[in-house]
C-alpha cells in the first residue's frame, strides 16, 4: 500500500516537469 502512493507521486512529479520543459521550449520557440 505504501508503494502505490509513492509511485503515483513520482509519476505526477515527472509529468509536471515534462510539461514545464515543453512550455519553456514553446515560449522560446514563440519568441
PDB file of N, CA and C in Angstrom:
ATOM      1  N   UNK A   1       0.840  -1.213   0.000  1.00  0.00           N
ATOM      2  CA  UNK A   1       0.000   0.000   0.000  1.00  0.00           C
ATOM      3  C   UNK A   1       0.873   1.260   0.000  1.00  0.00           C
ATOM      4  N   UNK A   2       1.997   1.169   0.675  1.00  0.00           N
ATOM      5  CA  UNK A   2       2.883   2.347   0.791  1.00  0.00           C
ATOM      6  C   UNK A   2       3.603   2.632  -0.531  1.00  0.00           C
ATOM      7  N   UNK A   3       3.764   1.596  -1.350  1.00  0.00           N
ATOM      8  CA  UNK A   3       4.494   1.777  -2.616  1.00  0.00           C
ATOM      9  C   UNK A   3       3.651   2.522  -3.651  1.00  0.00           C
ATOM     10  N   UNK A   4       2.361   2.220  -3.688  1.00  0.00           N
ATOM     11  CA  UNK A   4       1.498   2.802  -4.729  1.00  0.00           C
ATOM     12  C   UNK A   4       1.461   4.334  -4.680  1.00  0.00           C
ATOM     13  N   UNK A   5       1.197   4.960  -3.523  1.00  0.00           N
ATOM     14  CA  UNK A   5       1.147   6.437  -3.480  1.00  0.00           C
ATOM     15  C   UNK A   5       2.473   7.063  -3.910  1.00  0.00           C
ATOM     16  N   UNK A   6       3.580   6.436  -3.514  1.00  0.00           N
ATOM     17  CA  UNK A   6       4.898   6.969  -3.862  1.00  0.00           C
ATOM     18  C   UNK A   6       5.086   6.937  -5.379  1.00  0.00           C
ATOM     19  N   UNK A   7       4.670   5.839  -6.002  1.00  0.00           N
ATOM     20  CA  UNK A   7       4.805   5.696  -7.462  1.00  0.00           C
ATOM     21  C   UNK A   7       3.952   6.747  -8.171  1.00  0.00           C
ATOM     22  N   UNK A   8       2.733   6.950  -7.674  1.00  0.00           N
ATOM     23  CA  UNK A   8       1.828   7.937  -8.286  1.00  0.00           C
ATOM     24  C   UNK A   8       2.431   9.339  -8.133  1.00  0.00           C
ATOM     25  N   UNK A   9       2.973   9.625  -6.962  1.00  0.00           N
ATOM     26  CA  UNK A   9       3.560  10.948  -6.692  1.00  0.00           C
ATOM     27  C   UNK A   9       4.747  11.180  -7.623  1.00  0.00           C
ATOM     28  N   UNK A  10       5.547  10.145  -7.810  1.00  0.00           N
ATOM     29  CA  UNK A  10       6.726  10.271  -8.672  1.00  0.00           C
ATOM     30  C   UNK A  10       6.294  10.503 -10.117  1.00  0.00           C
ATOM     31  N   UNK A  11       5.284   9.748 -10.563  1.00  0.00           N
ATOM     32  CA  UNK A  11       4.790   9.886 -11.934  1.00  0.00           C
ATOM     33  C   UNK A  11       4.205  11.278 -12.126  1.00  0.00           C
ATOM     34  N   UNK A  12       3.463  11.765 -11.119  1.00  0.00           N
ATOM     35  CA  UNK A  12       2.848  13.094 -11.188  1.00  0.00           C
ATOM     36  C   UNK A  12       3.927  14.169 -11.266  1.00  0.00           C
ATOM     37  N   UNK A  13       4.985  14.020 -10.452  1.00  0.00           N
ATOM     38  CA  UNK A  13       6.088  14.986 -10.450  1.00  0.00           C
ATOM     39  C   UNK A  13       6.792  15.003 -11.807  1.00  0.00           C
ATOM     40  N   UNK A  14       7.012  13.809 -12.369  1.00  0.00           N
ATOM     41  CA  UNK A  14       7.673  13.720 -13.678  1.00  0.00           C
ATOM     42  C   UNK A  14       6.821  14.372 -14.751  1.00  0.00           C
ATOM     43  N   UNK A  15       5.496  14.217 -14.638  1.00  0.00           N
ATOM     44  CA  UNK A  15       4.591  14.790 -15.632  1.00  0.00           C
ATOM     45  C   UNK A  15       4.643  16.314 -15.562  1.00  0.00           C
ATOM     46  N   UNK A  16       4.696  16.866 -14.346  1.00  0.00           N
ATOM     47  CA  UNK A  16       4.763  18.328 -14.168  1.00  0.00           C
ATOM     48  C   UNK A  16       6.076  18.852 -14.763  1.00  0.00           C
ATOM     49  N   UNK A  17       7.178  18.162 -14.490  1.00  0.00           N
ATOM     50  CA  UNK A  17       8.490  18.582 -15.003  1.00  0.00           C
ATOM     51  C   UNK A  17       8.482  18.554 -16.532  1.00  0.00           C
ATOM     52  N   UNK A  18       7.914  17.493 -17.103  1.00  0.00           N
ATOM     53  CA  UNK A  18       7.848  17.379 -18.569  1.00  0.00           C
ATOM     54  C   UNK A  18       7.022  18.517 -19.154  1.00  0.00           C
ATOM     55  N   UNK A  19       5.877  18.810 -18.528  1.00  0.00           N
ATOM     56  CA  UNK A  19       5.012  19.899 -19.007  1.00  0.00           C
ATOM     57  C   UNK A  19       5.739  21.239 -18.922  1.00  0.00           C
ATOM     58  N   UNK A  20       6.489  21.447 -17.845  1.00  0.00           N
ATOM     59  CA  UNK A  20       7.240  22.695 -17.666  1.00  0.00           C
ATOM     60  C   UNK A  20       8.286  22.853 -18.767  1.00  0.00           C
ATOM     61  N   UNK A  21       9.029  21.785 -19.038  1.00  0.00           N
ATOM     62  CA  UNK A  21      10.066  21.831 -20.079  1.00  0.00           C
ATOM     63  C   UNK A  21       9.439  22.121 -21.434  1.00  0.00           C
ATOM     64  N   UNK A  22       8.331  21.448 -21.739  1.00  0.00           N
ATOM     65  CA  UNK A  22       7.643  21.652 -23.024  1.00  0.00           C
ATOM     66  C   UNK A  22       7.158  23.096 -23.132  1.00  0.00           C
ATOM     67  N   UNK A  23       6.600  23.624 -22.040  1.00  0.00           N
ATOM     68  CA  UNK A  23       6.101  25.007 -22.041  1.00  0.00           C
ATOM     69  C   UNK A  23       7.244  25.988 -22.292  1.00  0.00           C
ATOM     70  N   UNK A  24       8.384  25.772 -21.643  1.00  0.00           N
ATOM     71  CA  UNK A  24       9.553  26.651 -21.816  1.00  0.00           C
ATOM     72  C   UNK A  24      10.025  26.600 -23.269  1.00  0.00           C
ATOM     73  N   UNK A  25      10.074  25.398 -23.848  1.00  0.00           N
ATOM     74  CA  UNK A  25      10.510  25.249 -25.251  1.00  0.00           C
ATOM     75  C   UNK A  25       9.552  25.995 -26.173  1.00  0.00           C
ATOM     76  N   UNK A  26       8.247  25.875 -25.913  1.00  0.00           N
ATOM     77  CA  UNK A  26       7.239  26.557 -26.747  1.00  0.00           C
ATOM     78  C   UNK A  26       7.423  28.076 -26.642  1.00  0.00           C
ATOM     79  N   UNK A  27       7.660  28.574 -25.427  1.00  0.00           N
ATOM     80  CA  UNK A  27       7.837  30.021 -25.221  1.00  0.00           C
ATOM     81  C   UNK A  27       9.094  30.494 -25.965  1.00  0.00           C
ATOM     82  N   UNK A  28      10.184  29.732 -25.865  1.00  0.00           N
ATOM     83  CA  UNK A  28      11.440  30.105 -26.538  1.00  0.00           C
ATOM     84  C   UNK A  28      11.232  30.089 -28.054  1.00  0.00           C
ATOM     85  N   UNK A  29      10.544  29.070 -28.555  1.00  0.00           N
ATOM     86  CA  UNK A  29      10.293  28.976 -29.997  1.00  0.00           C
ATOM     87  C   UNK A  29       9.340  30.078 -30.453  1.00  0.00           C
ATOM     88  N   UNK A  30       8.422  30.473 -29.560  1.00  0.00           N
ATOM     89  CA  UNK A  30       7.464  31.533 -29.886  1.00  0.00           C
ATOM     90  C   UNK A  30       8.167  32.869 -30.071  1.00  0.00           C
ATOM     91  N   UNK A  31       9.233  33.093 -29.299  1.00  0.00           N
ATOM     92  CA  UNK A  31       9.983  34.347 -29.394  1.00  0.00           C
ATOM     93  C   UNK A  31      10.811  34.338 -30.674  1.00  0.00           C
TER      94      UNK A  31
END
